Amino acid sequence: MADIDFPPDLVALERSAWAEIQAGALTLDTARAVQDGINAFAAEAGLGRLDVEMGLKKIVRHPAAEAA
């Protein structure tokens, strides 16, 4: 997962979703946009959707773990 080079727009979408989750205000539009982005990127990169989603969440929610 650490070797995935995520596009900046997908990382930004996940950051927006994470901020909304933390505020208790996640919208369906944001959640859908993230999932659509994950699905599209996974298909384009030939990766599993779950691997992409887990890796993306890790770099957004636990950035210190990626730096170590």
N, C-alpha and C. Protein backbone atom coordinates (compact mmCIF):
# COMPACT_ATOMS: atom_id res chain seq x y z
N MET A 1 0.81 -1.20 0.00
CA MET A 1 0.00 0.00 0.00
C MET A 1 0.85 1.26 0.00
N ALA A 2 1.98 1.21 0.68
CA ALA A 2 2.81 2.41 0.78
C ALA A 2 3.40 2.80 -0.57
N ASP A 3 3.43 1.88 -1.51
CA ASP A 3 4.02 2.15 -2.81
C ASP A 3 3.05 2.79 -3.79
N ILE A 4 1.82 2.99 -3.41
CA ILE A 4 0.82 3.57 -4.31
C ILE A 4 1.04 5.07 -4.40
N ASP A 5 1.15 5.57 -5.61
CA ASP A 5 1.32 7.01 -5.85
C ASP A 5 -0.06 7.61 -6.14
N PHE A 6 -0.72 8.07 -5.09
CA PHE A 6 -2.08 8.60 -5.22
C PHE A 6 -2.08 9.96 -5.89
N PRO A 7 -3.04 10.20 -6.79
CA PRO A 7 -3.15 11.51 -7.40
C PRO A 7 -3.60 12.54 -6.35
N PRO A 8 -3.08 13.75 -6.43
CA PRO A 8 -3.41 14.78 -5.44
C PRO A 8 -4.91 15.05 -5.29
N ASP A 9 -5.65 14.97 -6.39
CA ASP A 9 -7.09 15.25 -6.29
C ASP A 9 -7.80 14.18 -5.47
N LEU A 10 -7.35 12.94 -5.54
CA LEU A 10 -7.96 11.86 -4.76
C LEU A 10 -7.62 12.03 -3.28
N VAL A 11 -6.40 12.42 -2.99
CA VAL A 11 -6.00 12.68 -1.61
C VAL A 11 -6.82 13.84 -1.05
N ALA A 12 -7.01 14.87 -1.84
CA ALA A 12 -7.80 16.02 -1.39
C ALA A 12 -9.25 15.63 -1.12
N LEU A 13 -9.81 14.76 -1.95
CA LEU A 13 -11.18 14.28 -1.72
C LEU A 13 -11.26 13.52 -0.40
N GLU A 14 -10.31 12.65 -0.15
CA GLU A 14 -10.32 11.87 1.09
C GLU A 14 -10.12 12.79 2.30
N ARG A 15 -9.28 13.81 2.16
CA ARG A 15 -9.10 14.76 3.27
C ARG A 15 -10.41 15.50 3.57
N SER A 16 -11.13 15.87 2.52
CA SER A 16 -12.42 16.53 2.72
C SER A 16 -13.40 15.60 3.43
N ALA A 17 -13.44 14.35 2.99
CA ALA A 17 -14.33 13.38 3.63
C ALA A 17 -13.95 13.18 5.09
N TRP A 18 -12.67 13.07 5.37
CA TRP A 18 -12.22 12.84 6.73
C TRP A 18 -12.59 14.04 7.62
N ALA A 19 -12.43 15.24 7.10
CA ALA A 19 -12.81 16.44 7.86
C ALA A 19 -14.31 16.43 8.15
N GLU A 20 -15.11 16.05 7.16
CA GLU A 20 -16.55 15.97 7.36
C GLU A 20 -16.91 14.89 8.37
N ILE A 21 -16.23 13.76 8.32
CA ILE A 21 -16.48 12.68 9.28
C ILE A 21 -16.18 13.17 10.69
N GLN A 22 -15.06 13.82 10.86
CA GLN A 22 -14.67 14.30 12.19
C GLN A 22 -15.66 15.34 12.71
N ALA A 23 -16.26 16.11 11.82
CA ALA A 23 -17.24 17.12 12.22
C ALA A 23 -18.64 16.54 12.35
N GLY A 24 -18.79 15.27 12.02
CA GLY A 24 -20.10 14.63 12.07
C GLY A 24 -21.02 15.13 10.97
N ALA A 25 -20.43 15.49 9.84
CA ALA A 25 -21.22 16.10 8.77
C ALA A 25 -20.91 15.54 7.39
N LEU A 26 -20.53 14.27 7.32
CA LEU A 26 -20.23 13.67 6.03
C LEU A 26 -21.48 13.66 5.16
N THR A 27 -21.34 14.18 3.96
CA THR A 27 -22.48 14.20 3.04
C THR A 27 -22.39 13.02 2.07
N LEU A 28 -23.52 12.66 1.55
CA LEU A 28 -23.58 11.59 0.56
C LEU A 28 -22.77 11.97 -0.67
N ASP A 29 -22.83 13.22 -1.07
CA ASP A 29 -22.08 13.66 -2.25
C ASP A 29 -20.57 13.48 -2.06
N THR A 30 -20.08 13.83 -0.88
CA THR A 30 -18.65 13.68 -0.61
C THR A 30 -18.27 12.21 -0.58
N ALA A 31 -19.06 11.41 0.12
CA ALA A 31 -18.77 9.98 0.20
C ALA A 31 -18.78 9.33 -1.18
N ARG A 32 -19.75 9.70 -1.99
CA ARG A 32 -19.85 9.15 -3.34
C ARG A 32 -18.65 9.58 -4.19
N ALA A 33 -18.26 10.85 -4.08
CA ALA A 33 -17.13 11.35 -4.86
C ALA A 33 -15.84 10.59 -4.51
N VAL A 34 -15.65 10.33 -3.22
CA VAL A 34 -14.46 9.58 -2.80
C VAL A 34 -14.50 8.16 -3.36
N GLN A 35 -15.63 7.50 -3.21
CA GLN A 35 -15.74 6.12 -3.69
C GLN A 35 -15.59 6.04 -5.21
N ASP A 36 -16.18 6.99 -5.92
CA ASP A 36 -16.03 7.02 -7.38
C ASP A 36 -14.56 7.23 -7.76
N GLY A 37 -13.88 8.12 -7.04
CA GLY A 37 -12.46 8.37 -7.30
C GLY A 37 -11.61 7.15 -7.01
N ILE A 38 -11.90 6.48 -5.92
CA ILE A 38 -11.17 5.26 -5.56
C ILE A 38 -11.38 4.18 -6.62
N ASN A 39 -12.62 3.98 -7.02
CA ASN A 39 -12.92 2.97 -8.03
C ASN A 39 -12.23 3.27 -9.35
N ALA A 40 -12.28 4.52 -9.78
CA ALA A 40 -11.66 4.91 -11.05
C ALA A 40 -10.14 4.74 -10.99
N PHE A 41 -9.53 5.20 -9.91
CA PHE A 41 -8.08 5.09 -9.78
C PHE A 41 -7.65 3.63 -9.71
N ALA A 42 -8.37 2.83 -8.94
CA ALA A 42 -8.03 1.40 -8.82
C ALA A 42 -8.08 0.72 -10.18
N ALA A 43 -9.14 0.99 -10.94
CA ALA A 43 -9.29 0.37 -12.26
C ALA A 43 -8.17 0.83 -13.21
N GLU A 44 -7.88 2.12 -13.18
CA GLU A 44 -6.86 2.68 -14.07
C GLU A 44 -5.46 2.15 -13.72
N ALA A 45 -5.20 2.00 -12.43
CA ALA A 45 -3.87 1.56 -11.98
C ALA A 45 -3.74 0.04 -11.92
N GLY A 46 -4.85 -0.68 -12.14
CA GLY A 46 -4.82 -2.13 -12.07
C GLY A 46 -4.63 -2.65 -10.65
N LEU A 47 -5.19 -1.92 -9.69
CA LEU A 47 -5.07 -2.28 -8.28
C LEU A 47 -6.42 -2.67 -7.73
N GLY A 48 -6.42 -3.36 -6.62
CA GLY A 48 -7.66 -3.71 -5.96
C GLY A 48 -8.27 -2.49 -5.29
N ARG A 49 -9.59 -2.35 -5.38
CA ARG A 49 -10.27 -1.20 -4.79
C ARG A 49 -10.02 -1.12 -3.29
N LEU A 50 -10.05 -2.26 -2.61
CA LEU A 50 -9.85 -2.26 -1.17
C LEU A 50 -8.43 -1.81 -0.81
N ASP A 51 -7.44 -2.26 -1.57
CA ASP A 51 -6.05 -1.83 -1.32
C ASP A 51 -5.91 -0.33 -1.49
N VAL A 52 -6.55 0.21 -2.53
CA VAL A 52 -6.49 1.65 -2.77
C VAL A 52 -7.17 2.39 -1.63
N GLU A 53 -8.36 1.95 -1.25
CA GLU A 53 -9.09 2.63 -0.19
C GLU A 53 -8.33 2.59 1.14
N MET A 54 -7.80 1.44 1.49
CA MET A 54 -7.06 1.32 2.75
C MET A 54 -5.80 2.18 2.74
N GLY A 55 -5.08 2.18 1.63
CA GLY A 55 -3.87 2.99 1.53
C GLY A 55 -4.16 4.47 1.59
N LEU A 56 -5.23 4.88 0.93
CA LEU A 56 -5.61 6.28 0.92
C LEU A 56 -6.01 6.74 2.32
N LYS A 57 -6.81 5.95 3.00
CA LYS A 57 -7.22 6.29 4.37
C LYS A 57 -5.99 6.37 5.28
N LYS A 58 -5.05 5.48 5.09
CA LYS A 58 -3.86 5.46 5.94
C LYS A 58 -3.05 6.75 5.78
N ILE A 59 -2.82 7.17 4.54
CA ILE A 59 -2.00 8.38 4.37
C ILE A 59 -2.71 9.64 4.83
N VAL A 60 -4.04 9.65 4.76
CA VAL A 60 -4.79 10.83 5.19
C VAL A 60 -4.99 10.83 6.71
N ARG A 61 -5.34 9.69 7.27
CA ARG A 61 -5.69 9.63 8.69
C ARG A 61 -4.49 9.40 9.61
N HIS A 62 -3.42 8.82 9.07
CA HIS A 62 -2.24 8.51 9.87
C HIS A 62 -0.97 8.89 9.13
N PRO A 63 -0.80 10.17 8.81
CA PRO A 63 0.36 10.57 8.00
C PRO A 63 1.70 10.29 8.67
N ALA A 64 1.76 10.30 9.99
CA ALA A 64 3.02 10.03 10.68
C ALA A 64 3.48 8.59 10.44
N ALA A 65 2.55 7.67 10.30
CA ALA A 65 2.90 6.27 10.06
C ALA A 65 3.57 6.11 8.70
N GLU A 66 3.16 6.89 7.72
CA GLU A 66 3.76 6.82 6.38
C GLU A 66 5.17 7.40 6.38
N ALA A 67 5.40 8.43 7.20
CA ALA A 67 6.70 9.09 7.24
C ALA A 67 7.76 8.23 7.93
N ALA A 68 7.34 7.33 8.77
CA ALA A 68 8.29 6.51 9.54
C ALA A 68 8.93 5.44 8.70
